[in-house]
């Protein structure tokens, strides 16, 4: 089974990459973007979807400062 894990900084946690992107966009001619957050995307194949939450809690995400969302994908992605 294919899974996608989206990992983002929790609300209120400093996101220096997001701040840098938000500041750079107007300089590149892109107006109107705000509240930018930069996260990570992990895609993996697993035999047992029940293992995804423990994987996130122990390795893929830092639950103290990051939120994560697990999406199960069909075979087509």
PDB file of N, CA and C in Angstrom:
ATOM      1  N   UNK A   1       0.841  -1.166   0.000  1.00  0.00           N
ATOM      2  CA  UNK A   1       0.000   0.000   0.000  1.00  0.00           C
ATOM      3  C   UNK A   1       0.893   1.238   0.000  1.00  0.00           C
ATOM      4  N   UNK A   2       0.546   2.184  -0.836  1.00  0.00           N
ATOM      5  CA  UNK A   2       1.314   3.434  -0.938  1.00  0.00           C
ATOM      6  C   UNK A   2       0.714   4.449   0.027  1.00  0.00           C
ATOM      7  N   UNK A   3       1.582   5.152   0.746  1.00  0.00           N
ATOM      8  CA  UNK A   3       1.139   6.172   1.693  1.00  0.00           C
ATOM      9  C   UNK A   3       1.951   7.436   1.482  1.00  0.00           C
ATOM     10  N   UNK A   4       1.314   8.552   1.801  1.00  0.00           N
ATOM     11  CA  UNK A   4       1.960   9.864   1.724  1.00  0.00           C
ATOM     12  C   UNK A   4       1.808  10.500   3.103  1.00  0.00           C
ATOM     13  N   UNK A   5       2.915  10.975   3.651  1.00  0.00           N
ATOM     14  CA  UNK A   5       2.897  11.636   4.959  1.00  0.00           C
ATOM     15  C   UNK A   5       3.328  13.084   4.746  1.00  0.00           C
ATOM     16  N   UNK A   6       2.436  14.015   5.085  1.00  0.00           N
ATOM     17  CA  UNK A   6       2.721  15.444   4.993  1.00  0.00           C
ATOM     18  C   UNK A   6       3.097  15.934   6.387  1.00  0.00           C
ATOM     19  N   UNK A   7       4.244  16.561   6.507  1.00  0.00           N
ATOM     20  CA  UNK A   7       4.758  16.998   7.801  1.00  0.00           C
ATOM     21  C   UNK A   7       4.956  18.510   7.744  1.00  0.00           C
ATOM     22  N   UNK A   8       4.364  19.212   8.729  1.00  0.00           N
ATOM     23  CA  UNK A   8       4.414  20.678   8.768  1.00  0.00           C
ATOM     24  C   UNK A   8       4.732  21.136  10.183  1.00  0.00           C
ATOM     25  N   UNK A   9       5.319  22.319  10.318  1.00  0.00           N
ATOM     26  CA  UNK A   9       5.520  22.861  11.667  1.00  0.00           C
ATOM     27  C   UNK A   9       4.160  23.124  12.331  1.00  0.00           C
ATOM     28  N   UNK A  10       4.090  22.872  13.624  1.00  0.00           N
ATOM     29  CA  UNK A  10       2.862  23.173  14.361  1.00  0.00           C
ATOM     30  C   UNK A  10       2.630  24.678  14.378  1.00  0.00           C
ATOM     31  N   UNK A  11       1.369  25.058  14.554  1.00  0.00           N
ATOM     32  CA  UNK A  11       1.032  26.479  14.670  1.00  0.00           C
ATOM     33  C   UNK A  11       1.809  27.065  15.851  1.00  0.00           C
ATOM     34  N   UNK A  12       2.376  28.227  15.645  1.00  0.00           N
ATOM     35  CA  UNK A  12       3.120  28.894  16.703  1.00  0.00           C
ATOM     36  C   UNK A  12       4.591  28.513  16.773  1.00  0.00           C
ATOM     37  N   UNK A  13       5.016  27.536  15.999  1.00  0.00           N
ATOM     38  CA  UNK A  13       6.423  27.127  15.978  1.00  0.00           C
ATOM     39  C   UNK A  13       7.148  27.929  14.894  1.00  0.00           C
ATOM     40  N   UNK A  14       8.307  28.452  15.217  1.00  0.00           N
ATOM     41  CA  UNK A  14       9.095  29.223  14.267  1.00  0.00           C
ATOM     42  C   UNK A  14       9.390  28.389  13.021  1.00  0.00           C
ATOM     43  N   UNK A  15       9.138  28.971  11.863  1.00  0.00           N
ATOM     44  CA  UNK A  15       9.371  28.305  10.578  1.00  0.00           C
ATOM     45  C   UNK A  15      10.272  29.208   9.729  1.00  0.00           C
ATOM     46  N   UNK A  16      11.595  29.163   9.949  1.00  0.00           N
ATOM     47  CA  UNK A  16      12.484  30.074   9.232  1.00  0.00           C
ATOM     48  C   UNK A  16      12.447  29.892   7.717  1.00  0.00           C
ATOM     49  N   UNK A  17      12.252  28.674   7.238  1.00  0.00           N
ATOM     50  CA  UNK A  17      12.160  28.467   5.785  1.00  0.00           C
ATOM     51  C   UNK A  17      10.910  29.136   5.235  1.00  0.00           C
ATOM     52  N   UNK A  18       9.806  28.996   5.943  1.00  0.00           N
ATOM     53  CA  UNK A  18       8.571  29.639   5.509  1.00  0.00           C
ATOM     54  C   UNK A  18       8.704  31.152   5.474  1.00  0.00           C
ATOM     55  N   UNK A  19       9.360  31.716   6.492  1.00  0.00           N
ATOM     56  CA  UNK A  19       9.578  33.167   6.545  1.00  0.00           C
ATOM     57  C   UNK A  19      10.438  33.607   5.367  1.00  0.00           C
ATOM     58  N   UNK A  20      11.490  32.856   5.072  1.00  0.00           N
ATOM     59  CA  UNK A  20      12.377  33.217   3.960  1.00  0.00           C
ATOM     60  C   UNK A  20      11.633  33.174   2.628  1.00  0.00           C
ATOM     61  N   UNK A  21      10.807  32.167   2.421  1.00  0.00           N
ATOM     62  CA  UNK A  21      10.038  32.068   1.184  1.00  0.00           C
ATOM     63  C   UNK A  21       9.035  33.213   1.098  1.00  0.00           C
ATOM     64  N   UNK A  22       8.352  33.492   2.210  1.00  0.00           N
ATOM     65  CA  UNK A  22       7.362  34.577   2.219  1.00  0.00           C
ATOM     66  C   UNK A  22       8.001  35.923   1.888  1.00  0.00           C
ATOM     67  N   UNK A  23       9.202  36.170   2.376  1.00  0.00           N
ATOM     68  CA  UNK A  23       9.900  37.427   2.091  1.00  0.00           C
ATOM     69  C   UNK A  23      10.415  37.481   0.656  1.00  0.00           C
ATOM     70  N   UNK A  24      10.789  36.336   0.096  1.00  0.00           N
ATOM     71  CA  UNK A  24      11.357  36.301  -1.249  1.00  0.00           C
ATOM     72  C   UNK A  24      10.305  36.436  -2.345  1.00  0.00           C
ATOM     73  N   UNK A  25       9.094  35.967  -2.110  1.00  0.00           N
ATOM     74  CA  UNK A  25       8.082  35.978  -3.162  1.00  0.00           C
ATOM     75  C   UNK A  25       7.808  37.380  -3.728  1.00  0.00           C
ATOM     76  N   UNK A  26       7.580  38.394  -2.890  1.00  0.00           N
ATOM     77  CA  UNK A  26       7.344  39.727  -3.468  1.00  0.00           C
ATOM     78  C   UNK A  26       8.544  40.255  -4.262  1.00  0.00           C
ATOM     79  N   UNK A  27       9.748  39.926  -3.819  1.00  0.00           N
ATOM     80  CA  UNK A  27      10.945  40.362  -4.536  1.00  0.00           C
ATOM     81  C   UNK A  27      11.028  39.728  -5.917  1.00  0.00           C
ATOM     82  N   UNK A  28      10.374  38.594  -6.080  1.00  0.00           N
ATOM     83  CA  UNK A  28      10.359  37.905  -7.378  1.00  0.00           C
ATOM     84  C   UNK A  28       9.119  38.249  -8.197  1.00  0.00           C
ATOM     85  N   UNK A  29       8.321  39.194  -7.692  1.00  0.00           N
ATOM     86  CA  UNK A  29       7.152  39.634  -8.446  1.00  0.00           C
ATOM     87  C   UNK A  29       5.859  38.910  -8.120  1.00  0.00           C
ATOM     88  N   UNK A  30       5.845  38.117  -7.057  1.00  0.00           N
ATOM     89  CA  UNK A  30       4.642  37.381  -6.674  1.00  0.00           C
ATOM     90  C   UNK A  30       4.019  38.041  -5.450  1.00  0.00           C
ATOM     91  N   UNK A  31       2.941  38.766  -5.659  1.00  0.00           N
ATOM     92  CA  UNK A  31       2.284  39.485  -4.569  1.00  0.00           C
ATOM     93  C   UNK A  31       1.142  38.635  -4.007  1.00  0.00           C
ATOM     94  N   UNK A  32       0.781  38.924  -2.755  1.00  0.00           N
ATOM     95  CA  UNK A  32      -0.420  38.337  -2.172  1.00  0.00           C
ATOM     96  C   UNK A  32      -0.238  37.020  -1.454  1.00  0.00           C
ATOM     97  N   UNK A  33       0.966  36.531  -1.305  1.00  0.00           N
ATOM     98  CA  UNK A  33       1.187  35.284  -0.569  1.00  0.00           C
ATOM     99  C   UNK A  33       1.527  35.624   0.877  1.00  0.00           C
ATOM    100  N   UNK A  34       0.881  34.912   1.806  1.00  0.00           N
ATOM    101  CA  UNK A  34       1.176  35.148   3.223  1.00  0.00           C
ATOM    102  C   UNK A  34       1.004  33.847   3.990  1.00  0.00           C
ATOM    103  N   UNK A  35       1.461  33.863   5.239  1.00  0.00           N
ATOM    104  CA  UNK A  35       1.334  32.698   6.113  1.00  0.00           C
ATOM    105  C   UNK A  35       1.952  31.458   5.461  1.00  0.00           C
ATOM    106  N   UNK A  36       3.160  31.610   4.936  1.00  0.00           N
ATOM    107  CA  UNK A  36       3.851  30.534   4.217  1.00  0.00           C
ATOM    108  C   UNK A  36       4.503  29.590   5.222  1.00  0.00           C
ATOM    109  N   UNK A  37       4.308  28.300   5.013  1.00  0.00           N
ATOM    110  CA  UNK A  37       4.953  27.275   5.829  1.00  0.00           C
ATOM    111  C   UNK A  37       5.597  26.252   4.903  1.00  0.00           C
ATOM    112  N   UNK A  38       6.793  25.848   5.238  1.00  0.00           N
ATOM    113  CA  UNK A  38       7.513  24.851   4.458  1.00  0.00           C
ATOM    114  C   UNK A  38       7.552  23.568   5.285  1.00  0.00           C
ATOM    115  N   UNK A  39       7.165  22.482   4.660  1.00  0.00           N
ATOM    116  CA  UNK A  39       7.153  21.199   5.346  1.00  0.00           C
ATOM    117  C   UNK A  39       7.877  20.147   4.531  1.00  0.00           C
ATOM    118  N   UNK A  40       7.573  18.899   4.839  1.00  0.00           N
ATOM    119  CA  UNK A  40       8.196  17.772   4.137  1.00  0.00           C
ATOM    120  C   UNK A  40       7.106  16.824   3.659  1.00  0.00           C
ATOM    121  N   UNK A  41       7.425  16.097   2.618  1.00  0.00           N
ATOM    122  CA  UNK A  41       6.551  15.062   2.087  1.00  0.00           C
ATOM    123  C   UNK A  41       7.339  13.768   2.056  1.00  0.00           C
ATOM    124  N   UNK A  42       6.784  12.729   2.666  1.00  0.00           N
ATOM    125  CA  UNK A  42       7.408  11.404   2.644  1.00  0.00           C
ATOM    126  C   UNK A  42       6.415  10.451   1.994  1.00  0.00           C
ATOM    127  N   UNK A  43       6.833   9.759   0.944  1.00  0.00           N
ATOM    128  CA  UNK A  43       5.998   8.729   0.326  1.00  0.00           C
ATOM    129  C   UNK A  43       6.682   7.391   0.538  1.00  0.00           C
ATOM    130  N   UNK A  44       5.895   6.396   0.877  1.00  0.00           N
ATOM    131  CA  UNK A  44       6.459   5.077   1.120  1.00  0.00           C
ATOM    132  C   UNK A  44       5.419   4.003   0.884  1.00  0.00           C
ATOM    133  N   UNK A  45       5.904   2.809   0.608  1.00  0.00           N
ATOM    134  CA  UNK A  45       5.045   1.632   0.493  1.00  0.00           C
ATOM    135  C   UNK A  45       5.127   0.875   1.807  1.00  0.00           C
ATOM    136  N   UNK A  46       3.974   0.485   2.334  1.00  0.00           N
ATOM    137  CA  UNK A  46       3.927  -0.268   3.586  1.00  0.00           C
ATOM    138  C   UNK A  46       3.014  -1.474   3.410  1.00  0.00           C
ATOM    139  N   UNK A  47       3.323  -2.537   4.124  1.00  0.00           N
ATOM    140  CA  UNK A  47       2.461  -3.718   4.115  1.00  0.00           C
ATOM    141  C   UNK A  47       1.273  -3.543   5.047  1.00  0.00           C
ATOM    142  N   UNK A  48       1.474  -2.801   6.139  1.00  0.00           N
ATOM    143  CA  UNK A  48       0.450  -2.641   7.162  1.00  0.00           C
ATOM    144  C   UNK A  48       0.271  -1.160   7.476  1.00  0.00           C
ATOM    145  N   UNK A  49      -0.865  -0.592   7.077  1.00  0.00           N
ATOM    146  CA  UNK A  49      -1.122   0.829   7.291  1.00  0.00           C
ATOM    147  C   UNK A  49      -1.156   1.187   8.774  1.00  0.00           C
ATOM    148  N   UNK A  50      -1.416   0.236   9.631  1.00  0.00           N
ATOM    149  CA  UNK A  50      -1.444   0.495  11.071  1.00  0.00           C
ATOM    150  C   UNK A  50      -0.062   0.890  11.598  1.00  0.00           C
ATOM    151  N   UNK A  51       0.979   0.619  10.858  1.00  0.00           N
ATOM    152  CA  UNK A  51       2.336   0.977  11.278  1.00  0.00           C
ATOM    153  C   UNK A  51       2.671   2.440  10.998  1.00  0.00           C
ATOM    154  N   UNK A  52       1.855   3.124  10.208  1.00  0.00           N
ATOM    155  CA  UNK A  52       2.190   4.485   9.802  1.00  0.00           C
ATOM    156  C   UNK A  52       2.223   5.457  10.974  1.00  0.00           C
ATOM    157  N   UNK A  53       1.252   5.418  11.856  1.00  0.00           N
ATOM    158  CA  UNK A  53       1.248   6.344  12.995  1.00  0.00           C
ATOM    159  C   UNK A  53       2.479   6.125  13.877  1.00  0.00           C
ATOM    160  N   UNK A  54       2.812   4.897  14.267  1.00  0.00           N
ATOM    161  CA  UNK A  54       4.043   4.714  15.049  1.00  0.00           C
ATOM    162  C   UNK A  54       5.307   5.161  14.302  1.00  0.00           C
ATOM    163  N   UNK A  55       5.333   4.949  12.986  1.00  0.00           N
ATOM    164  CA  UNK A  55       6.487   5.410  12.197  1.00  0.00           C
ATOM    165  C   UNK A  55       6.627   6.920  12.295  1.00  0.00           C
ATOM    166  N   UNK A  56       5.508   7.624  12.188  1.00  0.00           N
ATOM    167  CA  UNK A  56       5.534   9.084  12.269  1.00  0.00           C
ATOM    168  C   UNK A  56       5.945   9.551  13.657  1.00  0.00           C
ATOM    169  N   UNK A  57       5.391   8.936  14.677  1.00  0.00           N
ATOM    170  CA  UNK A  57       5.662   9.352  16.055  1.00  0.00           C
ATOM    171  C   UNK A  57       7.115   9.094  16.458  1.00  0.00           C
ATOM    172  N   UNK A  58       7.715   8.036  15.921  1.00  0.00           N
ATOM    173  CA  UNK A  58       9.063   7.658  16.337  1.00  0.00           C
ATOM    174  C   UNK A  58      10.172   8.153  15.420  1.00  0.00           C
ATOM    175  N   UNK A  59       9.868   8.406  14.135  1.00  0.00           N
ATOM    176  CA  UNK A  59      10.954   8.722  13.212  1.00  0.00           C
ATOM    177  C   UNK A  59      10.627   9.827  12.213  1.00  0.00           C
ATOM    178  N   UNK A  60       9.522   9.716  11.514  1.00  0.00           N
ATOM    179  CA  UNK A  60       9.278  10.608  10.379  1.00  0.00           C
ATOM    180  C   UNK A  60       9.003  12.052  10.789  1.00  0.00           C
ATOM    181  N   UNK A  61       8.311  12.246  11.903  1.00  0.00           N
ATOM    182  CA  UNK A  61       7.980  13.591  12.367  1.00  0.00           C
ATOM    183  C   UNK A  61       8.447  13.754  13.807  1.00  0.00           C
ATOM    184  N   UNK A  62       8.625  14.993  14.202  1.00  0.00           N
ATOM    185  CA  UNK A  62       8.908  15.299  15.601  1.00  0.00           C
ATOM    186  C   UNK A  62       7.596  15.811  16.203  1.00  0.00           C
ATOM    187  N   UNK A  63       6.858  14.961  16.912  1.00  0.00           N
ATOM    188  CA  UNK A  63       5.521  15.353  17.373  1.00  0.00           C
ATOM    189  C   UNK A  63       5.508  16.529  18.346  1.00  0.00           C
ATOM    190  N   UNK A  64       6.650  16.919  18.878  1.00  0.00           N
ATOM    191  CA  UNK A  64       6.688  18.085  19.761  1.00  0.00           C
ATOM    192  C   UNK A  64       6.520  19.393  18.982  1.00  0.00           C
ATOM    193  N   UNK A  65       7.055  19.438  17.771  1.00  0.00           N
ATOM    194  CA  UNK A  65       7.032  20.685  17.008  1.00  0.00           C
ATOM    195  C   UNK A  65       6.395  20.547  15.631  1.00  0.00           C
ATOM    196  N   UNK A  66       6.002  19.342  15.244  1.00  0.00           N
ATOM    197  CA  UNK A  66       5.442  19.133  13.911  1.00  0.00           C
ATOM    198  C   UNK A  66       4.115  18.391  13.987  1.00  0.00           C
ATOM    199  N   UNK A  67       3.222  18.753  13.076  1.00  0.00           N
ATOM    200  CA  UNK A  67       2.000  18.002  12.844  1.00  0.00           C
ATOM    201  C   UNK A  67       2.214  17.167  11.598  1.00  0.00           C
ATOM    202  N   UNK A  68       1.509  16.062  11.507  1.00  0.00           N
ATOM    203  CA  UNK A  68       1.608  15.250  10.300  1.00  0.00           C
ATOM    204  C   UNK A  68       0.224  14.756   9.904  1.00  0.00           C
ATOM    205  N   UNK A  69       0.104  14.474   8.623  1.00  0.00           N
ATOM    206  CA  UNK A  69      -1.136  13.967   8.055  1.00  0.00           C
ATOM    207  C   UNK A  69      -0.782  12.774   7.186  1.00  0.00           C
ATOM    208  N   UNK A  70      -1.468  11.668   7.364  1.00  0.00           N
ATOM    209  CA  UNK A  70      -1.220  10.458   6.586  1.00  0.00           C
ATOM    210  C   UNK A  70      -2.326  10.323   5.548  1.00  0.00           C
ATOM    211  N   UNK A  71      -1.934  10.113   4.310  1.00  0.00           N
ATOM    212  CA  UNK A  71      -2.885   9.863   3.229  1.00  0.00           C
ATOM    213  C   UNK A  71      -2.562   8.503   2.627  1.00  0.00           C
ATOM    214  N   UNK A  72      -3.557   7.654   2.546  1.00  0.00           N
ATOM    215  CA  UNK A  72      -3.393   6.374   1.871  1.00  0.00           C
ATOM    216  C   UNK A  72      -3.762   6.564   0.418  1.00  0.00           C
ATOM    217  N   UNK A  73      -2.891   6.107  -0.478  1.00  0.00           N
ATOM    218  CA  UNK A  73      -3.085   6.300  -1.904  1.00  0.00           C
ATOM    219  C   UNK A  73      -3.467   4.982  -2.556  1.00  0.00           C
ATOM    220  N   UNK A  74      -4.267   5.063  -3.582  1.00  0.00           N
ATOM    221  CA  UNK A  74      -4.526   3.844  -4.343  1.00  0.00           C
ATOM    222  C   UNK A  74      -3.306   3.567  -5.205  1.00  0.00           C
ATOM    223  N   UNK A  75      -3.300   2.482  -5.917  1.00  0.00           N
ATOM    224  CA  UNK A  75      -2.106   2.071  -6.668  1.00  0.00           C
ATOM    225  C   UNK A  75      -1.687   3.094  -7.717  1.00  0.00           C
ATOM    226  N   UNK A  76      -2.622   3.921  -8.198  1.00  0.00           N
ATOM    227  CA  UNK A  76      -2.293   4.896  -9.220  1.00  0.00           C
ATOM    228  C   UNK A  76      -1.591   6.124  -8.679  1.00  0.00           C
ATOM    229  N   UNK A  77      -1.532   6.294  -7.345  1.00  0.00           N
ATOM    230  CA  UNK A  77      -0.866   7.458  -6.786  1.00  0.00           C
ATOM    231  C   UNK A  77      -1.854   8.541  -6.535  1.00  0.00           C
TER     232      UNK A  77
END
